[in-house]
All heavy atoms as atom14 arrays in JSON, in Angstrom:
{
  "sequence": "GPKTAALLVKIGVDASAVEFRSLPLMVKVHPRVIPLQQHWRN",
  "atom14_mask": [
    [1, 1, 1, 1, 0, 0, 0, 0, 0, 0, 0, 0, 0, 0],
    [1, 1, 1, 1, 1, 1, 1, 0, 0, 0, 0, 0, 0, 0],
    [1, 1, 1, 1, 1, 1, 1, 1, 1, 0, 0, 0, 0, 0],
    [1, 1, 1, 1, 1, 1, 1, 0, 0, 0, 0, 0, 0, 0],
    [1, 1, 1, 1, 1, 0, 0, 0, 0, 0, 0, 0, 0, 0],
    [1, 1, 1, 1, 1, 0, 0, 0, 0, 0, 0, 0, 0, 0],
    [1, 1, 1, 1, 1, 1, 1, 1, 0, 0, 0, 0, 0, 0],
    [1, 1, 1, 1, 1, 1, 1, 1, 0, 0, 0, 0, 0, 0],
    [1, 1, 1, 1, 1, 1, 1, 0, 0, 0, 0, 0, 0, 0],
    [1, 1, 1, 1, 1, 1, 1, 1, 1, 0, 0, 0, 0, 0],
    [1, 1, 1, 1, 1, 1, 1, 1, 0, 0, 0, 0, 0, 0],
    [1, 1, 1, 1, 0, 0, 0, 0, 0, 0, 0, 0, 0, 0],
    [1, 1, 1, 1, 1, 1, 1, 0, 0, 0, 0, 0, 0, 0],
    [1, 1, 1, 1, 1, 1, 1, 1, 0, 0, 0, 0, 0, 0],
    [1, 1, 1, 1, 1, 0, 0, 0, 0, 0, 0, 0, 0, 0],
    [1, 1, 1, 1, 1, 1, 0, 0, 0, 0, 0, 0, 0, 0],
    [1, 1, 1, 1, 1, 0, 0, 0, 0, 0, 0, 0, 0, 0],
    [1, 1, 1, 1, 1, 1, 1, 0, 0, 0, 0, 0, 0, 0],
    [1, 1, 1, 1, 1, 1, 1, 1, 1, 0, 0, 0, 0, 0],
    [1, 1, 1, 1, 1, 1, 1, 1, 1, 1, 1, 0, 0, 0],
    [1, 1, 1, 1, 1, 1, 1, 1, 1, 1, 1, 0, 0, 0],
    [1, 1, 1, 1, 1, 1, 0, 0, 0, 0, 0, 0, 0, 0],
    [1, 1, 1, 1, 1, 1, 1, 1, 0, 0, 0, 0, 0, 0],
    [1, 1, 1, 1, 1, 1, 1, 0, 0, 0, 0, 0, 0, 0],
    [1, 1, 1, 1, 1, 1, 1, 1, 0, 0, 0, 0, 0, 0],
    [1, 1, 1, 1, 1, 1, 1, 1, 0, 0, 0, 0, 0, 0],
    [1, 1, 1, 1, 1, 1, 1, 0, 0, 0, 0, 0, 0, 0],
    [1, 1, 1, 1, 1, 1, 1, 1, 1, 0, 0, 0, 0, 0],
    [1, 1, 1, 1, 1, 1, 1, 0, 0, 0, 0, 0, 0, 0],
    [1, 1, 1, 1, 1, 1, 1, 1, 1, 1, 0, 0, 0, 0],
    [1, 1, 1, 1, 1, 1, 1, 0, 0, 0, 0, 0, 0, 0],
    [1, 1, 1, 1, 1, 1, 1, 1, 1, 1, 1, 0, 0, 0],
    [1, 1, 1, 1, 1, 1, 1, 0, 0, 0, 0, 0, 0, 0],
    [1, 1, 1, 1, 1, 1, 1, 1, 0, 0, 0, 0, 0, 0],
    [1, 1, 1, 1, 1, 1, 1, 0, 0, 0, 0, 0, 0, 0],
    [1, 1, 1, 1, 1, 1, 1, 1, 0, 0, 0, 0, 0, 0],
    [1, 1, 1, 1, 1, 1, 1, 1, 1, 0, 0, 0, 0, 0],
    [1, 1, 1, 1, 1, 1, 1, 1, 1, 0, 0, 0, 0, 0],
    [1, 1, 1, 1, 1, 1, 1, 1, 1, 1, 0, 0, 0, 0],
    [1, 1, 1, 1, 1, 1, 1, 1, 1, 1, 1, 1, 1, 1],
    [1, 1, 1, 1, 1, 1, 1, 1, 1, 1, 1, 0, 0, 0],
    [1, 1, 1, 1, 1, 1, 1, 1, 0, 0, 0, 0, 0, 0]
  ],
  "atom14_positions": [
    [[0.82, -1.19, 0.0], [0.0, 0.0, 0.0], [0.86, 1.25, 0.0], [2.09, 1.17, -0.18], [0.0, 0.0, 0.0], [0.0, 0.0, 0.0], [0.0, 0.0, 0.0], [0.0, 0.0, 0.0], [0.0, 0.0, 0.0], [0.0, 0.0, 0.0], [0.0, 0.0, 0.0], [0.0, 0.0, 0.0], [0.0, 0.0, 0.0], [0.0, 0.0, 0.0]],
    [[0.26, 2.41, 0.21], [1.01, 3.67, 0.17], [2.2, 3.73, 1.12], [3.28, 4.18, 0.74], [-0.05, 4.71, 0.56], [-1.34, 4.09, 0.12], [-1.19, 2.63, 0.38], [0.0, 0.0, 0.0], [0.0, 0.0, 0.0], [0.0, 0.0, 0.0], [0.0, 0.0, 0.0], [0.0, 0.0, 0.0], [0.0, 0.0, 0.0], [0.0, 0.0, 0.0]],
    [[2.04, 3.28, 2.38], [3.13, 3.36, 3.35], [4.31, 2.46, 2.95], [5.46, 2.86, 2.99], [2.64, 2.99, 4.74], [1.7, 4.02, 5.36], [1.3, 3.62, 6.77], [0.39, 4.68, 7.39], [-0.03, 4.3, 8.77], [0.0, 0.0, 0.0], [0.0, 0.0, 0.0], [0.0, 0.0, 0.0], [0.0, 0.0, 0.0], [0.0, 0.0, 0.0]],
    [[3.98, 1.23, 2.56], [5.03, 0.3, 2.15], [5.71, 0.78, 0.87], [6.93, 0.69, 0.73], [4.45, -1.11, 1.93], [3.85, -1.56, 3.14], [5.55, -2.09, 1.53], [0.0, 0.0, 0.0], [0.0, 0.0, 0.0], [0.0, 0.0, 0.0], [0.0, 0.0, 0.0], [0.0, 0.0, 0.0], [0.0, 0.0, 0.0], [0.0, 0.0, 0.0]],
    [[4.92, 1.3, -0.06], [5.48, 1.8, -1.32], [6.48, 2.93, -1.05], [7.56, 2.97, -1.65], [4.37, 2.3, -2.23], [0.0, 0.0, 0.0], [0.0, 0.0, 0.0], [0.0, 0.0, 0.0], [0.0, 0.0, 0.0], [0.0, 0.0, 0.0], [0.0, 0.0, 0.0], [0.0, 0.0, 0.0], [0.0, 0.0, 0.0], [0.0, 0.0, 0.0]],
    [[6.13, 3.83, -0.14], [7.03, 4.94, 0.2], [8.33, 4.42, 0.79], [9.43, 4.91, 0.45], [6.35, 5.89, 1.17], [0.0, 0.0, 0.0], [0.0, 0.0, 0.0], [0.0, 0.0, 0.0], [0.0, 0.0, 0.0], [0.0, 0.0, 0.0], [0.0, 0.0, 0.0], [0.0, 0.0, 0.0], [0.0, 0.0, 0.0], [0.0, 0.0, 0.0]],
    [[8.25, 3.4, 1.64], [9.46, 2.82, 2.23], [10.32, 2.12, 1.18], [11.55, 2.23, 1.18], [9.07, 1.82, 3.33], [8.54, 2.43, 4.64], [7.98, 1.34, 5.54], [9.64, 3.2, 5.36], [0.0, 0.0, 0.0], [0.0, 0.0, 0.0], [0.0, 0.0, 0.0], [0.0, 0.0, 0.0], [0.0, 0.0, 0.0], [0.0, 0.0, 0.0]],
    [[9.66, 1.4, 0.27], [10.39, 0.69, -0.78], [11.12, 1.66, -1.7], [12.27, 1.43, -2.08], [9.43, -0.18, -1.59], [8.86, -1.4, -0.85], [7.76, -2.06, -1.68], [9.95, -2.4, -0.52], [0.0, 0.0, 0.0], [0.0, 0.0, 0.0], [0.0, 0.0, 0.0], [0.0, 0.0, 0.0], [0.0, 0.0, 0.0], [0.0, 0.0, 0.0]],
    [[10.45, 2.76, -2.05], [11.1, 3.78, -2.89], [12.3, 4.37, -2.15], [13.35, 4.61, -2.73], [10.09, 4.88, -3.27], [10.8, 6.06, -3.92], [9.04, 4.33, -4.23], [0.0, 0.0, 0.0], [0.0, 0.0, 0.0], [0.0, 0.0, 0.0], [0.0, 0.0, 0.0], [0.0, 0.0, 0.0], [0.0, 0.0, 0.0], [0.0, 0.0, 0.0]],
    [[12.13, 4.59, -0.85], [13.19, 5.2, -0.03], [14.46, 4.34, -0.02], [15.57, 4.88, -0.02], [12.69, 5.41, 1.39], [13.64, 6.2, 2.27], [13.03, 6.48, 3.63], [14.0, 7.3, 4.48], [13.4, 7.61, 5.82], [0.0, 0.0, 0.0], [0.0, 0.0, 0.0], [0.0, 0.0, 0.0], [0.0, 0.0, 0.0], [0.0, 0.0, 0.0]],
    [[14.31, 3.0, -0.03], [15.49, 2.14, 0.0], [16.02, 1.81, -1.39], [16.99, 1.07, -1.54], [15.22, 0.84, 0.77], [14.18, -0.02, 0.04], [14.82, 1.13, 2.2], [14.07, -1.42, 0.59], [0.0, 0.0, 0.0], [0.0, 0.0, 0.0], [0.0, 0.0, 0.0], [0.0, 0.0, 0.0], [0.0, 0.0, 0.0], [0.0, 0.0, 0.0]],
    [[15.35, 2.35, -2.42], [15.91, 2.21, -3.77], [15.19, 1.32, -4.74], [15.71, 1.04, -5.83], [0.0, 0.0, 0.0], [0.0, 0.0, 0.0], [0.0, 0.0, 0.0], [0.0, 0.0, 0.0], [0.0, 0.0, 0.0], [0.0, 0.0, 0.0], [0.0, 0.0, 0.0], [0.0, 0.0, 0.0], [0.0, 0.0, 0.0], [0.0, 0.0, 0.0]],
    [[13.99, 0.85, -4.41], [13.23, 0.05, -5.38], [12.83, 0.95, -6.53], [12.16, 1.96, -6.35], [11.98, -0.57, -4.71], [11.14, -1.32, -5.76], [12.39, -1.51, -3.6], [0.0, 0.0, 0.0], [0.0, 0.0, 0.0], [0.0, 0.0, 0.0], [0.0, 0.0, 0.0], [0.0, 0.0, 0.0], [0.0, 0.0, 0.0], [0.0, 0.0, 0.0]],
    [[13.26, 0.58, -7.73], [13.1, 1.44, -8.9], [12.17, 0.82, -9.93], [12.58, -0.06, -10.7], [14.47, 1.72, -9.52], [14.43, 2.74, -10.64], [13.31, 3.2, -10.96], [15.49, 3.08, -11.19], [0.0, 0.0, 0.0], [0.0, 0.0, 0.0], [0.0, 0.0, 0.0], [0.0, 0.0, 0.0], [0.0, 0.0, 0.0], [0.0, 0.0, 0.0]],
    [[10.93, 1.27, -9.96], [9.93, 0.71, -10.88], [10.22, 1.03, -12.34], [9.61, 0.45, -13.24], [8.54, 1.21, -10.51], [0.0, 0.0, 0.0], [0.0, 0.0, 0.0], [0.0, 0.0, 0.0], [0.0, 0.0, 0.0], [0.0, 0.0, 0.0], [0.0, 0.0, 0.0], [0.0, 0.0, 0.0], [0.0, 0.0, 0.0], [0.0, 0.0, 0.0]],
    [[11.16, 1.95, -12.59], [11.5, 2.28, -13.98], [12.34, 1.18, -14.62], [12.44, 1.12, -15.84], [12.25, 3.61, -14.05], [13.53, 3.51, -13.46], [0.0, 0.0, 0.0], [0.0, 0.0, 0.0], [0.0, 0.0, 0.0], [0.0, 0.0, 0.0], [0.0, 0.0, 0.0], [0.0, 0.0, 0.0], [0.0, 0.0, 0.0], [0.0, 0.0, 0.0]],
    [[12.94, 0.32, -13.8], [13.77, -0.76, -14.32], [12.9, -1.84, -14.96], [11.89, -2.24, -14.4], [14.61, -1.36, -13.2], [0.0, 0.0, 0.0], [0.0, 0.0, 0.0], [0.0, 0.0, 0.0], [0.0, 0.0, 0.0], [0.0, 0.0, 0.0], [0.0, 0.0, 0.0], [0.0, 0.0, 0.0], [0.0, 0.0, 0.0], [0.0, 0.0, 0.0]],
    [[13.32, -2.3, -16.12], [12.56, -3.33, -16.82], [12.62, -4.66, -16.06], [11.64, -5.39, -15.96], [13.09, -3.53, -18.26], [12.34, -4.65, -18.96], [12.96, -2.23, -19.04], [0.0, 0.0, 0.0], [0.0, 0.0, 0.0], [0.0, 0.0, 0.0], [0.0, 0.0, 0.0], [0.0, 0.0, 0.0], [0.0, 0.0, 0.0], [0.0, 0.0, 0.0]],
    [[13.79, -4.96, -15.47], [13.99, -6.19, -14.71], [14.02, -5.91, -13.21], [14.52, -4.88, -12.78], [15.3, -6.88, -15.14], [15.36, -7.25, -16.62], [14.38, -8.34, -16.99], [13.99, -9.12, -16.08], [13.99, -8.42, -18.16], [0.0, 0.0, 0.0], [0.0, 0.0, 0.0], [0.0, 0.0, 0.0], [0.0, 0.0, 0.0], [0.0, 0.0, 0.0]],
    [[13.5, -6.84, -12.44], [13.5, -6.7, -10.98], [14.94, -6.78, -10.44], [15.72, -7.61, -10.87], [12.67, -7.82, -10.36], [12.7, -7.86, -8.85], [11.93, -6.98, -8.11], [13.5, -8.77, -8.19], [11.95, -7.01, -6.73], [13.54, -8.81, -6.8], [12.75, -7.93, -6.07], [0.0, 0.0, 0.0], [0.0, 0.0, 0.0], [0.0, 0.0, 0.0]],
    [[15.26, -5.9, -9.49], [16.58, -5.91, -8.87], [16.4, -5.98, -7.36], [15.86, -5.07, -6.74], [17.36, -4.64, -9.24], [18.78, -4.6, -8.7], [19.56, -3.47, -9.35], [18.99, -2.17, -9.08], [19.33, -1.41, -8.04], [20.24, -1.84, -7.18], [18.78, -0.22, -7.85], [0.0, 0.0, 0.0], [0.0, 0.0, 0.0], [0.0, 0.0, 0.0]],
    [[16.86, -7.08, -6.77], [16.7, -7.28, -5.34], [17.63, -6.38, -4.54], [18.74, -6.06, -4.97], [16.98, -8.75, -4.98], [16.81, -8.96, -3.6], [0.0, 0.0, 0.0], [0.0, 0.0, 0.0], [0.0, 0.0, 0.0], [0.0, 0.0, 0.0], [0.0, 0.0, 0.0], [0.0, 0.0, 0.0], [0.0, 0.0, 0.0], [0.0, 0.0, 0.0]],
    [[17.18, -5.97, -3.36], [17.98, -5.14, -2.46], [17.97, -5.75, -1.07], [16.94, -6.25, -0.61], [17.4, -3.71, -2.39], [17.48, -2.9, -3.69], [16.63, -1.64, -3.56], [18.92, -2.52, -3.99], [0.0, 0.0, 0.0], [0.0, 0.0, 0.0], [0.0, 0.0, 0.0], [0.0, 0.0, 0.0], [0.0, 0.0, 0.0], [0.0, 0.0, 0.0]],
    [[19.12, -5.75, -0.36], [19.22, -6.4, 0.95], [18.21, -5.91, 1.98], [17.76, -6.66, 2.83], [20.65, -6.04, 1.39], [21.39, -5.76, 0.13], [20.37, -5.14, -0.79], [0.0, 0.0, 0.0], [0.0, 0.0, 0.0], [0.0, 0.0, 0.0], [0.0, 0.0, 0.0], [0.0, 0.0, 0.0], [0.0, 0.0, 0.0], [0.0, 0.0, 0.0]],
    [[17.82, -4.62, 1.91], [16.95, -4.06, 2.94], [15.47, -4.36, 2.71], [14.64, -4.07, 3.56], [17.15, -2.54, 3.02], [18.48, -2.06, 3.58], [18.55, -0.54, 3.48], [18.65, -2.49, 5.03], [0.0, 0.0, 0.0], [0.0, 0.0, 0.0], [0.0, 0.0, 0.0], [0.0, 0.0, 0.0], [0.0, 0.0, 0.0], [0.0, 0.0, 0.0]],
    [[15.13, -4.95, 1.58], [13.72, -5.15, 1.24], [12.96, -5.95, 2.29], [11.88, -5.58, 2.73], [13.6, -5.85, -0.11], [13.76, -4.93, -1.3], [13.41, -5.82, -2.81], [13.71, -4.54, -4.01], [0.0, 0.0, 0.0], [0.0, 0.0, 0.0], [0.0, 0.0, 0.0], [0.0, 0.0, 0.0], [0.0, 0.0, 0.0], [0.0, 0.0, 0.0]],
    [[13.53, -7.09, 2.7], [12.84, -7.98, 3.63], [12.6, -7.29, 4.97], [11.59, -7.49, 5.62], [13.63, -9.28, 3.83], [12.93, -10.18, 4.83], [13.77, -10.01, 2.5], [0.0, 0.0, 0.0], [0.0, 0.0, 0.0], [0.0, 0.0, 0.0], [0.0, 0.0, 0.0], [0.0, 0.0, 0.0], [0.0, 0.0, 0.0], [0.0, 0.0, 0.0]],
    [[13.53, -6.42, 5.37], [13.37, -5.68, 6.62], [12.22, -4.69, 6.52], [11.55, -4.39, 7.5], [14.67, -4.94, 6.96], [15.84, -5.86, 7.31], [17.06, -5.05, 7.71], [18.23, -5.97, 8.06], [19.43, -5.18, 8.43], [0.0, 0.0, 0.0], [0.0, 0.0, 0.0], [0.0, 0.0, 0.0], [0.0, 0.0, 0.0], [0.0, 0.0, 0.0]],
    [[12.0, -4.17, 5.33], [10.94, -3.18, 5.14], [9.57, -3.86, 5.14], [8.61, -3.37, 5.72], [11.15, -2.4, 3.83], [9.94, -1.52, 3.52], [12.39, -1.55, 3.93], [0.0, 0.0, 0.0], [0.0, 0.0, 0.0], [0.0, 0.0, 0.0], [0.0, 0.0, 0.0], [0.0, 0.0, 0.0], [0.0, 0.0, 0.0], [0.0, 0.0, 0.0]],
    [[9.48, -4.98, 4.49], [8.18, -5.63, 4.34], [8.38, -7.14, 4.22], [9.02, -7.6, 3.27], [7.47, -5.09, 3.1], [6.0, -5.37, 3.09], [5.48, -6.62, 2.87], [4.93, -4.56, 3.3], [4.15, -6.57, 2.92], [3.8, -5.33, 3.18], [0.0, 0.0, 0.0], [0.0, 0.0, 0.0], [0.0, 0.0, 0.0], [0.0, 0.0, 0.0]],
    [[7.86, -7.94, 5.15], [8.08, -9.39, 5.13], [7.48, -10.08, 3.91], [7.89, -11.18, 3.55], [7.41, -9.87, 6.44], [6.4, -8.81, 6.76], [7.03, -7.52, 6.29], [0.0, 0.0, 0.0], [0.0, 0.0, 0.0], [0.0, 0.0, 0.0], [0.0, 0.0, 0.0], [0.0, 0.0, 0.0], [0.0, 0.0, 0.0], [0.0, 0.0, 0.0]],
    [[6.49, -9.44, 3.28], [5.87, -10.06, 2.1], [6.34, -9.41, 0.81], [5.63, -9.39, -0.18], [4.35, -9.94, 2.21], [3.75, -10.8, 3.31], [2.25, -10.6, 3.4], [1.92, -9.26, 3.86], [0.67, -8.77, 3.89], [-0.32, -9.52, 3.43], [0.43, -7.56, 4.32], [0.0, 0.0, 0.0], [0.0, 0.0, 0.0], [0.0, 0.0, 0.0]],
    [[7.56, -8.91, 0.83], [8.05, -8.16, -0.32], [8.49, -9.07, -1.47], [8.67, -8.62, -2.59], [9.23, -7.25, 0.09], [10.52, -8.04, 0.19], [9.38, -6.09, -0.88], [0.0, 0.0, 0.0], [0.0, 0.0, 0.0], [0.0, 0.0, 0.0], [0.0, 0.0, 0.0], [0.0, 0.0, 0.0], [0.0, 0.0, 0.0], [0.0, 0.0, 0.0]],
    [[8.64, -10.35, -1.2], [9.05, -11.3, -2.24], [8.13, -11.26, -3.46], [8.58, -11.34, -4.59], [9.13, -12.74, -1.67], [10.25, -12.81, -0.62], [9.42, -13.74, -2.78], [10.35, -14.16, 0.07], [0.0, 0.0, 0.0], [0.0, 0.0, 0.0], [0.0, 0.0, 0.0], [0.0, 0.0, 0.0], [0.0, 0.0, 0.0], [0.0, 0.0, 0.0]],
    [[6.8, -11.11, -3.28], [5.92, -11.05, -4.46], [6.25, -9.91, -5.43], [5.76, -9.92, -6.55], [4.53, -10.86, -3.84], [4.62, -11.48, -2.5], [6.01, -11.17, -2.04], [0.0, 0.0, 0.0], [0.0, 0.0, 0.0], [0.0, 0.0, 0.0], [0.0, 0.0, 0.0], [0.0, 0.0, 0.0], [0.0, 0.0, 0.0], [0.0, 0.0, 0.0]],
    [[7.05, -8.95, -4.99], [7.43, -7.88, -5.92], [8.01, -8.45, -7.2], [7.7, -8.0, -8.29], [8.47, -6.96, -5.27], [7.99, -5.8, -4.4], [9.19, -5.0, -3.92], [7.02, -4.91, -5.14], [0.0, 0.0, 0.0], [0.0, 0.0, 0.0], [0.0, 0.0, 0.0], [0.0, 0.0, 0.0], [0.0, 0.0, 0.0], [0.0, 0.0, 0.0]],
    [[8.89, -9.44, -7.06], [9.52, -10.04, -8.23], [8.49, -10.72, -9.12], [8.55, -10.63, -10.34], [10.59, -11.04, -7.81], [11.38, -11.6, -8.99], [12.59, -12.38, -8.53], [12.82, -12.55, -7.34], [13.38, -12.86, -9.47], [0.0, 0.0, 0.0], [0.0, 0.0, 0.0], [0.0, 0.0, 0.0], [0.0, 0.0, 0.0], [0.0, 0.0, 0.0]],
    [[7.53, -11.37, -8.5], [6.5, -12.08, -9.26], [5.6, -11.11, -10.04], [5.09, -11.45, -11.11], [5.64, -12.93, -8.32], [6.44, -13.97, -7.55], [5.6, -14.63, -6.46], [4.39, -14.41, -6.37], [6.24, -15.43, -5.62], [0.0, 0.0, 0.0], [0.0, 0.0, 0.0], [0.0, 0.0, 0.0], [0.0, 0.0, 0.0], [0.0, 0.0, 0.0]],
    [[5.42, -9.93, -9.49], [4.51, -8.95, -10.1], [5.25, -7.79, -10.76], [4.63, -6.78, -11.07], [3.55, -8.39, -9.04], [2.67, -9.43, -8.42], [1.56, -9.94, -9.05], [2.76, -10.06, -7.22], [0.99, -10.84, -8.26], [1.68, -10.93, -7.15], [0.0, 0.0, 0.0], [0.0, 0.0, 0.0], [0.0, 0.0, 0.0], [0.0, 0.0, 0.0]],
    [[6.54, -7.96, -10.97], [7.34, -6.83, -11.47], [6.89, -6.33, -12.82], [6.92, -5.13, -13.1], [8.83, -7.18, -11.52], [9.68, -5.97, -11.7], [10.32, -5.55, -12.83], [9.93, -4.97, -10.7], [10.97, -4.37, -12.6], [10.75, -3.99, -11.3], [9.55, -4.81, -9.37], [11.18, -2.87, -10.61], [9.99, -3.7, -8.68], [10.79, -2.74, -9.3]],
    [[6.46, -7.22, -13.68], [6.0, -6.79, -15.01], [4.84, -5.81, -14.88], [4.8, -4.78, -15.56], [5.57, -8.01, -15.83], [5.08, -7.64, -17.23], [4.73, -8.88, -18.03], [4.2, -8.53, -19.34], [3.81, -9.43, -20.25], [3.89, -10.72, -19.97], [3.35, -9.04, -21.41], [0.0, 0.0, 0.0], [0.0, 0.0, 0.0], [0.0, 0.0, 0.0]],
    [[3.88, -6.11, -13.99], [2.73, -5.22, -13.78], [3.17, -3.9, -13.14], [2.64, -2.83, -13.47], [1.69, -5.9, -12.9], [1.04, -7.08, -13.59], [0.97, -7.14, -14.82], [0.57, -8.03, -12.81], [0.0, 0.0, 0.0], [0.0, 0.0, 0.0], [0.0, 0.0, 0.0], [0.0, 0.0, 0.0], [0.0, 0.0, 0.0], [0.0, 0.0, 0.0]]
  ]
}
């Protein structure tokens, strides 16, 4: 949601990238962040 999205952007998640790029801090920000890779195309 909005709060998680803001945190993800803050740590460097870049939706402009065509391919998903994992970052070490992602799991600390959101325990269910793994689905990001599955839904990256969308």
